[in-house]
Amino acid sequence: MTGASQLALMGPLPTADFESEAELLAACRRREIAAFEQLYRTHSPRLKSIAYHTAGNRQDAEDAVQETFLKAYRGIDGFTGASAIGTWLCRICINACYDVVRKRQLEAERSQPPEQPPAPPLALRAQLDQALRRIDSRRRTVFLLFAVEGMKHSEIAAILEIPEGTSKAWLFEAKRELQRVLTEKRP
């Protein structure tokens, strides 16, 4: 038995702290389980937060994070090191979230009756979540990474593979869209 299934069946291993990212990356490429455990311990809290805010619920977020680490395990040899490993993992996680959200939307569209009665008034948090879902996904991602995760535009630009100025513009547009959505009158 090899690969990811071997990871699932093995119990906890002694921890090995790798001193540098290059050392950790080399150990991951050698498929050392302790290296992947450290990678998970180091990066999973931020990835779970990003996934939760991108996917919108805990179950989808957990699915996306699990998928992120499976893809990282399978694709570690393809990681060139042009960015930090955390940046690479964030990019994988965001893509996994988009995949999960698309899958859920397709499932909902297939099972949804043609007409829905108007939704009852929502609490402020629910209104904000609903408003975030109504804005463009790229702008929403930049907004969440900046406002919720506290990332800098340079980090966001690296994760999304866009120019830093585009990150700033999308944040501005996201705020403007959110303001419009939150202040529009409902019938």
Protein backbone atom coordinates (compact mmCIF):
# COMPACT_ATOMS: atom_id res chain seq x y z
CA MET A 1 0.00 0.00 0.00
CA THR A 2 1.44 3.35 -0.97
CA GLY A 3 0.50 7.00 -1.28
CA ALA A 4 -2.36 8.80 0.42
CA SER A 5 -4.03 5.58 1.61
CA GLN A 6 -0.89 4.77 3.56
CA LEU A 7 -1.15 8.17 5.29
CA ALA A 8 -4.67 7.41 6.46
CA LEU A 9 -3.82 4.03 7.96
CA MET A 10 -0.71 5.07 9.86
CA GLY A 11 -1.00 6.26 13.42
CA PRO A 12 0.65 9.39 14.78
CA LEU A 13 4.36 9.52 14.11
CA PRO A 14 7.05 11.22 16.10
CA THR A 15 7.22 14.87 15.12
CA ALA A 16 10.22 16.17 13.22
CA ASP A 17 10.56 19.90 12.95
CA PHE A 18 12.25 20.94 9.76
CA GLU A 19 14.28 24.09 10.21
CA SER A 20 13.70 25.70 6.83
CA GLU A 21 11.05 25.66 4.16
CA ALA A 22 13.58 24.21 1.70
CA GLU A 23 14.31 21.34 4.10
CA LEU A 24 10.59 20.73 4.62
CA LEU A 25 9.98 20.79 0.88
CA ALA A 26 12.79 18.32 0.23
CA ALA A 27 11.38 15.96 2.87
CA CYS A 28 7.89 16.26 1.33
CA ARG A 29 9.33 15.36 -2.06
CA ARG A 30 10.88 12.26 -0.45
CA ARG A 31 7.35 11.47 0.78
CA GLU A 32 8.30 11.64 4.46
CA ILE A 33 5.09 11.47 6.45
CA ALA A 34 6.48 13.67 9.25
CA ALA A 35 7.10 16.44 6.71
CA PHE A 36 3.50 16.35 5.51
CA GLU A 37 2.30 16.34 9.12
CA GLN A 38 4.34 19.48 9.79
CA LEU A 39 3.02 21.02 6.58
CA TYR A 40 -0.53 20.30 7.79
CA ARG A 41 0.09 21.62 11.33
CA THR A 42 1.65 24.78 9.99
CA HIS A 43 -0.81 25.69 7.26
CA SER A 44 -4.16 24.05 8.04
CA PRO A 45 -5.53 26.75 10.41
CA ARG A 46 -5.23 29.49 7.78
CA LEU A 47 -6.46 27.21 4.99
CA LYS A 48 -9.50 26.19 7.05
CA SER A 49 -10.35 29.84 7.64
CA ILE A 50 -9.94 30.72 3.97
CA ALA A 51 -11.99 27.70 2.94
CA TYR A 52 -14.77 28.48 5.41
CA HIS A 53 -15.08 32.05 4.20
CA THR A 54 -14.87 31.03 0.55
CA ALA A 55 -17.15 27.99 0.61
CA GLY A 56 -19.61 29.41 3.14
CA ASN A 57 -20.04 26.42 5.44
CA ARG A 58 -17.90 24.19 7.60
CA GLN A 59 -18.53 20.89 5.78
CA ASP A 60 -17.58 22.26 2.37
CA ALA A 61 -14.56 23.99 3.93
CA GLU A 62 -13.35 20.73 5.48
CA ASP A 63 -13.81 18.95 2.16
CA ALA A 64 -11.82 21.65 0.37
CA VAL A 65 -8.96 21.57 2.89
CA GLN A 66 -8.78 17.79 2.71
CA GLU A 67 -8.70 18.02 -1.08
CA THR A 68 -5.97 20.69 -0.82
CA PHE A 69 -3.62 18.44 1.11
CA LEU A 70 -4.35 15.45 -1.13
CA LYS A 71 -3.52 17.55 -4.20
CA ALA A 72 -0.40 18.87 -2.46
CA TYR A 73 0.72 15.33 -1.65
CA ARG A 74 0.16 14.21 -5.23
CA GLY A 75 1.64 17.32 -6.82
CA ILE A 76 4.54 18.23 -4.54
CA ASP A 77 7.04 17.27 -7.24
CA GLY A 78 5.47 19.84 -9.56
CA PHE A 79 5.90 22.67 -7.03
CA THR A 80 8.76 24.76 -8.39
CA GLY A 81 9.36 26.87 -5.32
CA ALA A 82 8.74 30.14 -7.21
CA SER A 83 6.55 31.19 -4.26
CA ALA A 84 6.28 30.19 -0.62
CA ILE A 85 4.72 26.80 -0.01
CA GLY A 86 1.93 28.50 1.98
CA THR A 87 1.08 30.61 -1.06
CA TRP A 88 0.95 27.49 -3.22
CA LEU A 89 -1.33 25.75 -0.70
CA CYS A 90 -3.64 28.80 -0.56
CA ARG A 91 -3.98 28.74 -4.34
CA ILE A 92 -4.83 25.02 -4.28
CA CYS A 93 -7.32 25.60 -1.45
CA ILE A 94 -9.13 28.43 -3.22
CA ASN A 95 -9.42 26.34 -6.38
CA ALA A 96 -10.71 23.40 -4.33
CA CYS A 97 -13.29 25.71 -2.72
CA TYR A 98 -14.46 26.89 -6.13
CA ASP A 99 -14.83 23.26 -7.21
CA VAL A 100 -16.85 22.37 -4.09
CA VAL A 101 -19.08 25.45 -4.43
CA ARG A 102 -19.71 24.75 -8.14
CA LYS A 103 -20.61 21.14 -7.31
CA ARG A 104 -23.04 22.24 -4.57
CA GLN A 105 -24.64 24.83 -6.86
CA LEU A 106 -25.20 22.22 -9.57
CA GLU A 107 -26.72 19.85 -7.03
CA ALA A 108 -28.98 22.61 -5.69
CA GLU A 109 -30.10 23.62 -9.19
CA ARG A 110 -31.01 20.04 -10.02
CA SER A 111 -33.07 19.57 -6.85
CA GLN A 112 -34.58 23.05 -6.58
CA PRO A 113 -38.23 23.54 -7.56
CA PRO A 114 -38.78 26.20 -10.24
CA GLU A 115 -40.28 28.87 -7.96
CA GLN A 116 -39.17 29.79 -4.47
CA PRO A 117 -41.13 31.99 -2.07
CA PRO A 118 -39.34 35.17 -0.96
CA ALA A 119 -36.88 34.62 1.85
CA PRO A 120 -37.78 35.95 5.31
CA PRO A 121 -35.70 38.80 6.77
CA LEU A 122 -32.25 37.62 7.81
CA ALA A 123 -29.98 38.45 10.68
CA LEU A 124 -27.10 40.82 9.94
CA ARG A 125 -24.47 38.06 9.67
CA ALA A 126 -26.67 36.06 7.32
CA GLN A 127 -27.33 39.18 5.24
CA LEU A 128 -23.60 39.81 4.95
CA ASP A 129 -22.94 36.20 3.95
CA GLN A 130 -25.72 36.40 1.38
CA ALA A 131 -24.37 39.70 0.04
CA LEU A 132 -20.86 38.21 -0.25
CA ARG A 133 -22.25 35.33 -2.29
CA ARG A 134 -23.85 37.83 -4.70
CA ILE A 135 -20.63 39.61 -5.66
CA ASP A 136 -18.15 38.42 -8.26
CA SER A 137 -16.13 35.43 -6.97
CA ARG A 138 -12.74 36.99 -7.77
CA ARG A 139 -13.60 40.18 -5.91
CA ARG A 140 -15.09 38.19 -3.03
CA THR A 141 -11.88 36.16 -2.74
CA VAL A 142 -9.72 39.30 -2.61
CA PHE A 143 -12.08 40.87 -0.05
CA LEU A 144 -11.99 37.77 2.19
CA LEU A 145 -8.23 37.36 1.98
CA PHE A 146 -7.69 41.06 2.78
CA ALA A 147 -10.47 41.84 5.27
CA VAL A 148 -10.90 38.50 7.01
CA GLU A 149 -7.50 36.85 6.71
CA GLY A 150 -5.52 40.07 7.05
CA MET A 151 -3.28 39.37 4.07
CA LYS A 152 -1.35 42.07 2.25
CA HIS A 153 -2.02 42.83 -1.40
CA SER A 154 1.38 41.40 -2.33
CA GLU A 155 0.42 38.05 -0.73
CA ILE A 156 -3.00 38.07 -2.36
CA ALA A 157 -1.44 38.85 -5.74
CA ALA A 158 0.94 35.91 -5.37
CA ILE A 159 -1.83 33.51 -4.35
CA LEU A 160 -4.21 34.53 -7.12
CA GLU A 161 -1.43 35.04 -9.66
CA ILE A 162 -2.52 38.58 -10.49
CA PRO A 163 -0.74 41.95 -10.35
CA GLU A 164 -0.81 43.72 -6.98
CA GLY A 165 -2.70 46.64 -8.55
CA THR A 166 -5.42 44.26 -9.70
CA SER A 167 -5.78 43.00 -6.13
CA LYS A 168 -6.25 46.58 -4.93
CA ALA A 169 -8.76 47.34 -7.68
CA TRP A 170 -10.76 44.18 -6.99
CA LEU A 171 -10.87 45.01 -3.29
CA PHE A 172 -12.20 48.47 -4.07
CA GLU A 173 -14.80 47.01 -6.44
CA ALA A 174 -15.78 44.34 -3.89
CA LYS A 175 -16.42 46.99 -1.23
CA ARG A 176 -18.44 49.06 -3.67
CA GLU A 177 -20.47 45.99 -4.75
CA LEU A 178 -21.07 44.97 -1.14
CA GLN A 179 -22.27 48.45 -0.28
CA ARG A 180 -24.65 48.41 -3.24
CA VAL A 181 -26.00 44.94 -2.40
CA LEU A 182 -26.43 45.69 1.30
CA THR A 183 -28.21 49.02 0.74
CA GLU A 184 -30.54 48.01 -2.09
CA LYS A 185 -34.18 47.91 -1.14
CA ARG A 186 -35.89 44.59 -1.02
CA PRO A 187 -39.47 44.16 -2.29
